[in-house]
Amino acid sequence: MTARKYARMAGRVPRQSTMQIFFWPLVISIAALAGLILGLTGDGYRDVVAVALVALGPVLIILSLRRKSQTRNPVTVKARS
């Protein structure tokens, strides 16, 4: 049995590299910064793209929270009386 498989069975999370930990926050922050700069420097379709880039962060956070809550809530079974 590999160490990674054993760690999962024991309920431990395997170690992640720094890049794995900070990848999505970095992507969200770069998208938001690009959206803010694009929104300040352009009009028309560039504003639409800017709103989409700035909204990317909250949308990903909401989707992540919904996915996490769905996996954490186990199915409850009624006890027989």
Protein backbone atom coordinates (compact mmCIF):
# COMPACT_ATOMS: atom_id res chain seq x y z
CA MET A 1 0.00 0.00 0.00
CA THR A 2 1.40 3.38 -0.96
CA ALA A 3 1.83 6.19 1.54
CA ARG A 4 -0.64 8.40 -0.34
CA LYS A 5 -3.31 5.70 -0.30
CA TYR A 6 -2.70 5.07 3.40
CA ALA A 7 -2.94 8.80 4.17
CA ARG A 8 -6.32 8.99 2.41
CA MET A 9 -7.61 5.95 4.30
CA ALA A 10 -6.47 7.46 7.59
CA GLY A 11 -8.34 10.69 6.82
CA ARG A 12 -5.21 12.73 6.27
CA VAL A 13 -4.78 15.02 3.28
CA PRO A 14 -1.64 14.43 1.23
CA ARG A 15 0.88 17.28 1.14
CA GLN A 16 0.61 19.78 -1.68
CA SER A 17 3.26 21.98 -3.20
CA THR A 18 3.11 25.75 -2.81
CA MET A 19 2.09 26.12 -6.45
CA GLN A 20 -0.80 23.68 -5.99
CA ILE A 21 -2.02 25.63 -2.98
CA PHE A 22 -1.83 29.10 -4.52
CA PHE A 23 -2.75 28.32 -8.16
CA TRP A 24 -6.47 29.20 -8.10
CA PRO A 25 -6.14 32.26 -5.85
CA LEU A 26 -3.42 33.51 -8.20
CA VAL A 27 -5.62 32.94 -11.27
CA ILE A 28 -8.56 34.73 -9.63
CA SER A 29 -6.44 37.71 -8.57
CA ILE A 30 -4.85 38.07 -12.03
CA ALA A 31 -8.30 37.90 -13.67
CA ALA A 32 -9.67 40.53 -11.27
CA LEU A 33 -6.70 42.84 -11.83
CA ALA A 34 -7.01 42.45 -15.60
CA GLY A 35 -10.74 43.16 -15.35
CA LEU A 36 -10.18 46.30 -13.30
CA ILE A 37 -7.54 47.62 -15.70
CA LEU A 38 -9.66 46.72 -18.73
CA GLY A 39 -12.71 48.41 -17.22
CA LEU A 40 -10.80 51.61 -16.58
CA THR A 41 -9.20 51.80 -20.00
CA GLY A 42 -11.99 50.81 -22.38
CA ASP A 43 -15.66 51.22 -23.26
CA GLY A 44 -18.27 49.06 -24.91
CA TYR A 45 -17.43 45.39 -25.23
CA ARG A 46 -14.34 45.87 -23.05
CA ASP A 47 -16.61 46.77 -20.13
CA VAL A 48 -18.51 43.51 -20.57
CA VAL A 49 -15.26 41.53 -20.55
CA ALA A 50 -14.11 43.50 -17.50
CA VAL A 51 -17.29 42.67 -15.57
CA ALA A 52 -16.90 38.99 -16.48
CA LEU A 53 -13.29 38.93 -15.29
CA VAL A 54 -14.08 40.69 -12.01
CA ALA A 55 -17.12 38.43 -11.42
CA LEU A 56 -15.03 35.29 -11.95
CA GLY A 57 -13.78 35.27 -8.35
CA PRO A 58 -17.15 35.36 -6.57
CA VAL A 59 -18.63 32.86 -9.03
CA LEU A 60 -15.83 30.35 -8.42
CA ILE A 61 -16.11 30.84 -4.65
CA ILE A 62 -19.87 30.22 -4.70
CA LEU A 63 -19.48 27.12 -6.88
CA SER A 64 -16.75 25.80 -4.61
CA LEU A 65 -18.86 26.33 -1.48
CA ARG A 66 -21.86 24.62 -3.07
CA ARG A 67 -19.74 21.64 -4.11
CA LYS A 68 -18.18 21.40 -0.66
CA SER A 69 -21.57 21.50 1.11
CA GLN A 70 -22.95 18.77 -1.18
CA THR A 71 -20.08 16.42 -0.44
CA ARG A 72 -20.04 17.07 3.31
CA ASN A 73 -23.73 16.38 3.99
CA PRO A 74 -24.18 12.63 4.22
CA VAL A 75 -27.50 11.06 3.38
CA THR A 76 -29.52 10.61 6.54
CA VAL A 77 -31.37 7.36 7.06
CA LYS A 78 -34.37 7.14 9.33
CA ALA A 79 -34.03 4.68 12.17
CA ARG A 80 -36.63 1.97 12.35
CA SER A 81 -39.06 2.29 15.22
